[in-house]
PDB file of N, CA and C in Angstrom:
ATOM      1  N   MET A   1       5.430   1.277  41.330  1.00  0.00           N
ATOM      2  CA  MET A   1       6.033   0.331  40.408  1.00  0.00           C
ATOM      3  C   MET A   1       6.426   1.045  39.129  1.00  0.00           C
ATOM      4  N   ALA A   2       7.638   0.824  38.666  1.00  0.00           N
ATOM      5  CA  ALA A   2       8.133   1.492  37.467  1.00  0.00           C
ATOM      6  C   ALA A   2       7.515   0.874  36.226  1.00  0.00           C
ATOM      7  N   SER A   3       7.272   1.731  35.217  1.00  0.00           N
ATOM      8  CA  SER A   3       6.710   1.222  33.970  1.00  0.00           C
ATOM      9  C   SER A   3       7.824   0.637  33.105  1.00  0.00           C
ATOM     10  N   LYS A   4       7.431  -0.290  32.257  1.00  0.00           N
ATOM     11  CA  LYS A   4       8.397  -0.929  31.366  1.00  0.00           C
ATOM     12  C   LYS A   4       8.869   0.042  30.301  1.00  0.00           C
ATOM     13  N   ASP A   5      10.061  -0.193  29.825  1.00  0.00           N
ATOM     14  CA  ASP A   5      10.629   0.548  28.710  1.00  0.00           C
ATOM     15  C   ASP A   5       9.727   0.329  27.491  1.00  0.00           C
ATOM     16  N   PRO A   6       9.301   1.393  26.786  1.00  0.00           N
ATOM     17  CA  PRO A   6       8.428   1.222  25.614  1.00  0.00           C
ATOM     18  C   PRO A   6       9.016   0.300  24.552  1.00  0.00           C
ATOM     19  N   ALA A   7      10.323   0.342  24.353  1.00  0.00           N
ATOM     20  CA  ALA A   7      10.949  -0.530  23.358  1.00  0.00           C
ATOM     21  C   ALA A   7      10.798  -1.990  23.757  1.00  0.00           C
ATOM     22  N   THR A   8      10.917  -2.267  25.054  1.00  0.00           N
ATOM     23  CA  THR A   8      10.748  -3.636  25.540  1.00  0.00           C
ATOM     24  C   THR A   8       9.309  -4.087  25.330  1.00  0.00           C
ATOM     25  N   LYS A   9       8.369  -3.197  25.596  1.00  0.00           N
ATOM     26  CA  LYS A   9       6.948  -3.520  25.403  1.00  0.00           C
ATOM     27  C   LYS A   9       6.656  -3.772  23.924  1.00  0.00           C
ATOM     28  N   GLU A  10       7.231  -2.954  23.038  1.00  0.00           N
ATOM     29  CA  GLU A  10       7.024  -3.144  21.603  1.00  0.00           C
ATOM     30  C   GLU A  10       7.602  -4.475  21.144  1.00  0.00           C
ATOM     31  N   SER A  11       8.767  -4.839  21.651  1.00  0.00           N
ATOM     32  CA  SER A  11       9.375  -6.120  21.290  1.00  0.00           C
ATOM     33  C   SER A  11       8.515  -7.269  21.773  1.00  0.00           C
ATOM     34  N   ALA A  12       7.981  -7.142  22.977  1.00  0.00           N
ATOM     35  CA  ALA A  12       7.122  -8.197  23.514  1.00  0.00           C
ATOM     36  C   ALA A  12       5.853  -8.323  22.681  1.00  0.00           C
ATOM     37  N   THR A  13       5.305  -7.205  22.252  1.00  0.00           N
ATOM     38  CA  THR A  13       4.104  -7.225  21.428  1.00  0.00           C
ATOM     39  C   THR A  13       4.400  -7.860  20.078  1.00  0.00           C
ATOM     40  N   TYR A  14       5.527  -7.528  19.478  1.00  0.00           N
ATOM     41  CA  TYR A  14       5.909  -8.116  18.198  1.00  0.00           C
ATOM     42  C   TYR A  14       6.118  -9.614  18.365  1.00  0.00           C
ATOM     43  N   LYS A  15       6.774  -9.987  19.444  1.00  0.00           N
ATOM     44  CA  LYS A  15       7.015 -11.404  19.717  1.00  0.00           C
ATOM     45  C   LYS A  15       5.686 -12.142  19.876  1.00  0.00           C
ATOM     46  N   LYS A  16       4.741 -11.535  20.552  1.00  0.00           N
ATOM     47  CA  LYS A  16       3.416 -12.143  20.742  1.00  0.00           C
ATOM     48  C   LYS A  16       2.723 -12.320  19.391  1.00  0.00           C
ATOM     49  N   MET A  17       2.797 -11.308  18.529  1.00  0.00           N
ATOM     50  CA  MET A  17       2.191 -11.430  17.202  1.00  0.00           C
ATOM     51  C   MET A  17       2.829 -12.573  16.427  1.00  0.00           C
ATOM     52  N   LEU A  18       4.143 -12.702  16.512  1.00  0.00           N
ATOM     53  CA  LEU A  18       4.850 -13.780  15.828  1.00  0.00           C
ATOM     54  C   LEU A  18       4.406 -15.141  16.361  1.00  0.00           C
ATOM     55  N   GLU A  19       4.290 -15.246  17.672  1.00  0.00           N
ATOM     56  CA  GLU A  19       3.818 -16.501  18.273  1.00  0.00           C
ATOM     57  C   GLU A  19       2.404 -16.829  17.803  1.00  0.00           C
ATOM     58  N   ASP A  20       1.545 -15.804  17.712  1.00  0.00           N
ATOM     59  CA  ASP A  20       0.177 -16.012  17.246  1.00  0.00           C
ATOM     60  C   ASP A  20       0.149 -16.513  15.799  1.00  0.00           C
ATOM     61  N   VAL A  21       0.990 -15.935  14.955  1.00  0.00           N
ATOM     62  CA  VAL A  21       1.061 -16.375  13.553  1.00  0.00           C
ATOM     63  C   VAL A  21       1.534 -17.822  13.485  1.00  0.00           C
ATOM     64  N   GLU A  22       2.548 -18.151  14.274  1.00  0.00           N
ATOM     65  CA  GLU A  22       3.057 -19.523  14.281  1.00  0.00           C
ATOM     66  C   GLU A  22       1.979 -20.507  14.750  1.00  0.00           C
ATOM     67  N   LEU A  23       1.198 -20.106  15.742  1.00  0.00           N
ATOM     68  CA  LEU A  23       0.103 -20.956  16.221  1.00  0.00           C
ATOM     69  C   LEU A  23      -0.946 -21.146  15.125  1.00  0.00           C
ATOM     70  N   ILE A  24      -1.289 -20.075  14.447  1.00  0.00           N
ATOM     71  CA  ILE A  24      -2.267 -20.153  13.358  1.00  0.00           C
ATOM     72  C   ILE A  24      -1.772 -21.110  12.281  1.00  0.00           C
ATOM     73  N   ILE A  25      -0.502 -21.017  11.944  1.00  0.00           N
ATOM     74  CA  ILE A  25       0.061 -21.900  10.919  1.00  0.00           C
ATOM     75  C   ILE A  25      -0.082 -23.360  11.344  1.00  0.00           C
ATOM     76  N   SER A  26       0.212 -23.636  12.588  1.00  0.00           N
ATOM     77  CA  SER A  26       0.089 -25.022  13.047  1.00  0.00           C
ATOM     78  C   SER A  26      -1.372 -25.466  13.059  1.00  0.00           C
ATOM     79  N   GLU A  27      -2.285 -24.564  13.406  1.00  0.00           N
ATOM     80  CA  GLU A  27      -3.709 -24.909  13.453  1.00  0.00           C
ATOM     81  C   GLU A  27      -4.298 -25.142  12.065  1.00  0.00           C
ATOM     82  N   ILE A  28      -3.885 -24.352  11.087  1.00  0.00           N
ATOM     83  CA  ILE A  28      -4.484 -24.515   9.751  1.00  0.00           C
ATOM     84  C   ILE A  28      -3.957 -25.760   9.047  1.00  0.00           C
ATOM     85  N   ASN A  29      -2.913 -26.359   9.572  1.00  0.00           N
ATOM     86  CA  ASN A  29      -2.408 -27.603   9.001  1.00  0.00           C
ATOM     87  C   ASN A  29      -3.191 -28.822   9.487  1.00  0.00           C
ATOM     88  N   SER A  30      -4.150 -28.602  10.383  1.00  0.00           N
ATOM     89  CA  SER A  30      -4.957 -29.698  10.899  1.00  0.00           C
ATOM     90  C   SER A  30      -6.024 -30.097   9.873  1.00  0.00           C
ATOM     91  N   PRO A  31      -6.100 -31.371   9.536  1.00  0.00           N
ATOM     92  CA  PRO A  31      -7.101 -31.809   8.557  1.00  0.00           C
ATOM     93  C   PRO A  31      -8.530 -31.744   9.114  1.00  0.00           C
ATOM     94  N   GLN A  32      -8.688 -31.641  10.433  1.00  0.00           N
ATOM     95  CA  GLN A  32     -10.020 -31.597  11.037  1.00  0.00           C
ATOM     96  C   GLN A  32     -10.587 -30.182  11.120  1.00  0.00           C
ATOM     97  N   LEU A  33      -9.846 -29.196  10.708  1.00  0.00           N
ATOM     98  CA  LEU A  33     -10.285 -27.810  10.842  1.00  0.00           C
ATOM     99  C   LEU A  33     -11.442 -27.513   9.901  1.00  0.00           C
ATOM    100  N   ASP A  34     -12.508 -26.947  10.449  1.00  0.00           N
ATOM    101  CA  ASP A  34     -13.681 -26.546   9.680  1.00  0.00           C
ATOM    102  C   ASP A  34     -13.296 -25.468   8.666  1.00  0.00           C
ATOM    103  N   LEU A  35     -13.891 -25.512   7.480  1.00  0.00           N
ATOM    104  CA  LEU A  35     -13.548 -24.577   6.404  1.00  0.00           C
ATOM    105  C   LEU A  35     -13.751 -23.122   6.826  1.00  0.00           C
ATOM    106  N   ASP A  36     -14.867 -22.820   7.482  1.00  0.00           N
ATOM    107  CA  ASP A  36     -15.131 -21.442   7.909  1.00  0.00           C
ATOM    108  C   ASP A  36     -14.100 -20.978   8.940  1.00  0.00           C
ATOM    109  N   LEU A  37     -13.751 -21.861   9.848  1.00  0.00           N
ATOM    110  CA  LEU A  37     -12.736 -21.528  10.846  1.00  0.00           C
ATOM    111  C   LEU A  37     -11.376 -21.350  10.182  1.00  0.00           C
ATOM    112  N   LEU A  38     -11.098 -22.170   9.188  1.00  0.00           N
ATOM    113  CA  LEU A  38      -9.853 -22.052   8.434  1.00  0.00           C
ATOM    114  C   LEU A  38      -9.735 -20.667   7.799  1.00  0.00           C
ATOM    115  N   VAL A  39     -10.805 -20.235   7.143  1.00  0.00           N
ATOM    116  CA  VAL A  39     -10.797 -18.915   6.497  1.00  0.00           C
ATOM    117  C   VAL A  39     -10.597 -17.817   7.536  1.00  0.00           C
ATOM    118  N   ASN A  40     -11.264 -17.941   8.680  1.00  0.00           N
ATOM    119  CA  ASN A  40     -11.132 -16.946   9.745  1.00  0.00           C
ATOM    120  C   ASN A  40      -9.702 -16.877  10.257  1.00  0.00           C
ATOM    121  N   LYS A  41      -9.085 -18.029  10.452  1.00  0.00           N
ATOM    122  CA  LYS A  41      -7.707 -18.058  10.951  1.00  0.00           C
ATOM    123  C   LYS A  41      -6.735 -17.478   9.924  1.00  0.00           C
ATOM    124  N   ILE A  42      -6.963 -17.767   8.653  1.00  0.00           N
ATOM    125  CA  ILE A  42      -6.102 -17.210   7.607  1.00  0.00           C
ATOM    126  C   ILE A  42      -6.229 -15.688   7.563  1.00  0.00           C
ATOM    127  N   GLU A  43      -7.451 -15.177   7.669  1.00  0.00           N
ATOM    128  CA  GLU A  43      -7.657 -13.717   7.698  1.00  0.00           C
ATOM    129  C   GLU A  43      -6.932 -13.106   8.890  1.00  0.00           C
ATOM    130  N   THR A  44      -7.061 -13.736  10.042  1.00  0.00           N
ATOM    131  CA  THR A  44      -6.388 -13.236  11.243  1.00  0.00           C
ATOM    132  C   THR A  44      -4.872 -13.251  11.053  1.00  0.00           C
ATOM    133  N   GLY A  45      -4.369 -14.331  10.468  1.00  0.00           N
ATOM    134  CA  GLY A  45      -2.936 -14.427  10.216  1.00  0.00           C
ATOM    135  C   GLY A  45      -2.443 -13.321   9.303  1.00  0.00           C
ATOM    136  N   TYR A  46      -3.181 -13.065   8.216  1.00  0.00           N
ATOM    137  CA  TYR A  46      -2.774 -11.998   7.301  1.00  0.00           C
ATOM    138  C   TYR A  46      -2.829 -10.628   7.979  1.00  0.00           C
ATOM    139  N   ASP A  47      -3.830 -10.400   8.817  1.00  0.00           N
ATOM    140  CA  ASP A  47      -3.902  -9.129   9.549  1.00  0.00           C
ATOM    141  C   ASP A  47      -2.684  -8.958  10.464  1.00  0.00           C
ATOM    142  N   LEU A  48      -2.321 -10.028  11.153  1.00  0.00           N
ATOM    143  CA  LEU A  48      -1.146  -9.962  12.025  1.00  0.00           C
ATOM    144  C   LEU A  48       0.123  -9.697  11.223  1.00  0.00           C
ATOM    145  N   ILE A  49       0.256 -10.358  10.084  1.00  0.00           N
ATOM    146  CA  ILE A  49       1.442 -10.162   9.252  1.00  0.00           C
ATOM    147  C   ILE A  49       1.522  -8.724   8.746  1.00  0.00           C
ATOM    148  N   LYS A  50       0.392  -8.143   8.377  1.00  0.00           N
ATOM    149  CA  LYS A  50       0.379  -6.731   7.956  1.00  0.00           C
ATOM    150  C   LYS A  50       0.873  -5.830   9.082  1.00  0.00           C
ATOM    151  N   LYS A  51       0.382  -6.082  10.304  1.00  0.00           N
ATOM    152  CA  LYS A  51       0.812  -5.275  11.452  1.00  0.00           C
ATOM    153  C   LYS A  51       2.305  -5.453  11.714  1.00  0.00           C
ATOM    154  N   MET A  52       2.770  -6.685  11.583  1.00  0.00           N
ATOM    155  CA  MET A  52       4.184  -6.950  11.807  1.00  0.00           C
ATOM    156  C   MET A  52       5.046  -6.249  10.762  1.00  0.00           C
ATOM    157  N   ARG A  53       4.630  -6.279   9.510  1.00  0.00           N
ATOM    158  CA  ARG A  53       5.377  -5.581   8.455  1.00  0.00           C
ATOM    159  C   ARG A  53       5.424  -4.086   8.716  1.00  0.00           C
ATOM    160  N   SER A  54       4.294  -3.543   9.157  1.00  0.00           N
ATOM    161  CA  SER A  54       4.239  -2.121   9.470  1.00  0.00           C
ATOM    162  C   SER A  54       5.219  -1.781  10.592  1.00  0.00           C
ATOM    163  N   ARG A  55       5.237  -2.606  11.635  1.00  0.00           N
ATOM    164  CA  ARG A  55       6.161  -2.386  12.747  1.00  0.00           C
ATOM    165  C   ARG A  55       7.603  -2.464  12.282  1.00  0.00           C
ATOM    166  N   LEU A  56       7.915  -3.432  11.404  1.00  0.00           N
ATOM    167  CA  LEU A  56       9.269  -3.539  10.887  1.00  0.00           C
ATOM    168  C   LEU A  56       9.651  -2.315  10.059  1.00  0.00           C
ATOM    169  N   ASP A  57       8.728  -1.828   9.244  1.00  0.00           N
ATOM    170  CA  ASP A  57       8.991  -0.625   8.449  1.00  0.00           C
ATOM    171  C   ASP A  57       9.235   0.585   9.340  1.00  0.00           C
ATOM    172  N   GLU A  58       8.423   0.724  10.403  1.00  0.00           N
ATOM    173  CA  GLU A  58       8.606   1.832  11.339  1.00  0.00           C
ATOM    174  C   GLU A  58       9.972   1.742  12.019  1.00  0.00           C
ATOM    175  N   THR A  59      10.321   0.551  12.434  1.00  0.00           N
ATOM    176  CA  THR A  59      11.607   0.346  13.101  1.00  0.00           C
ATOM    177  C   THR A  59      12.758   0.651  12.158  1.00  0.00           C
ATOM    178  N   LYS A  60      12.656   0.192  10.924  1.00  0.00           N
ATOM    179  CA  LYS A  60      13.695   0.460   9.928  1.00  0.00           C
ATOM    180  C   LYS A  60      13.872   1.963   9.729  1.00  0.00           C
ATOM    181  N   SER A  61      12.755   2.693   9.634  1.00  0.00           N
ATOM    182  CA  SER A  61      12.829   4.151   9.460  1.00  0.00           C
ATOM    183  C   SER A  61      13.502   4.816  10.651  1.00  0.00           C
ATOM    184  N   LYS A  62      13.166   4.370  11.858  1.00  0.00           N
ATOM    185  CA  LYS A  62      13.772   4.940  13.055  1.00  0.00           C
ATOM    186  C   LYS A  62      15.278   4.698  13.075  1.00  0.00           C
ATOM    187  N   VAL A  63      15.678   3.479  12.739  1.00  0.00           N
ATOM    188  CA  VAL A  63      17.103   3.137  12.735  1.00  0.00           C
ATOM    189  C   VAL A  63      17.842   3.954  11.685  1.00  0.00           C
ATOM    190  N   GLU A  64      17.256   4.090  10.505  1.00  0.00           N
ATOM    191  CA  GLU A  64      17.892   4.883   9.449  1.00  0.00           C
ATOM    192  C   GLU A  64      18.023   6.339   9.869  1.00  0.00           C
ATOM    193  N   LYS A  65      17.005   6.871  10.538  1.00  0.00           N
ATOM    194  CA  LYS A  65      17.063   8.258  11.013  1.00  0.00           C
ATOM    195  C   LYS A  65      18.155   8.412  12.071  1.00  0.00           C
ATOM    196  N   LEU A  66      18.202   7.483  12.996  1.00  0.00           N
ATOM    197  CA  LEU A  66      19.241   7.535  14.036  1.00  0.00           C
ATOM    198  C   LEU A  66      20.635   7.463  13.420  1.00  0.00           C
ATOM    199  N   ARG A  67      20.801   6.582  12.455  1.00  0.00           N
ATOM    200  CA  ARG A  67      22.098   6.434  11.787  1.00  0.00           C
ATOM    201  C   ARG A  67      22.470   7.731  11.048  1.00  0.00           C
ATOM    202  N   ALA A  68      21.491   8.321  10.356  1.00  0.00           N
ATOM    203  CA  ALA A  68      21.753   9.567   9.620  1.00  0.00           C
ATOM    204  C   ALA A  68      22.107  10.696  10.592  1.00  0.00           C
ATOM    205  N   ASP A  69      21.433  10.761  11.743  1.00  0.00           N
ATOM    206  CA  ASP A  69      21.728  11.785  12.734  1.00  0.00           C
ATOM    207  C   ASP A  69      23.109  11.602  13.334  1.00  0.00           C
ATOM    208  N   PHE A  70      23.549  10.370  13.421  1.00  0.00           N
ATOM    209  CA  PHE A  70      24.841  10.065  14.014  1.00  0.00           C
ATOM    210  C   PHE A  70      25.994  10.408  13.084  1.00  0.00           C
ATOM    211  N   GLU A  71      25.779  10.292  11.784  1.00  0.00           N
ATOM    212  CA  GLU A  71      26.863  10.509  10.826  1.00  0.00           C
ATOM    213  C   GLU A  71      27.175  11.960  10.636  1.00  0.00           C
TER     214      GLU A  71
END
């Protein structure tokens, strides 16, 4: 069985992180959410957002390098 393209896997991972953040946002809007669980979900959300920002920065650098090499 052939392995997936790494770029496709990275996109799927980023998409999964985005879905997780969106789920967390919907969960923390629940008035029944326990305070401790709320704090835990917010921490998890911020960790995911940090990872997503890092991935975007890496991607931006790669694209800029490719563009510079092409010119």
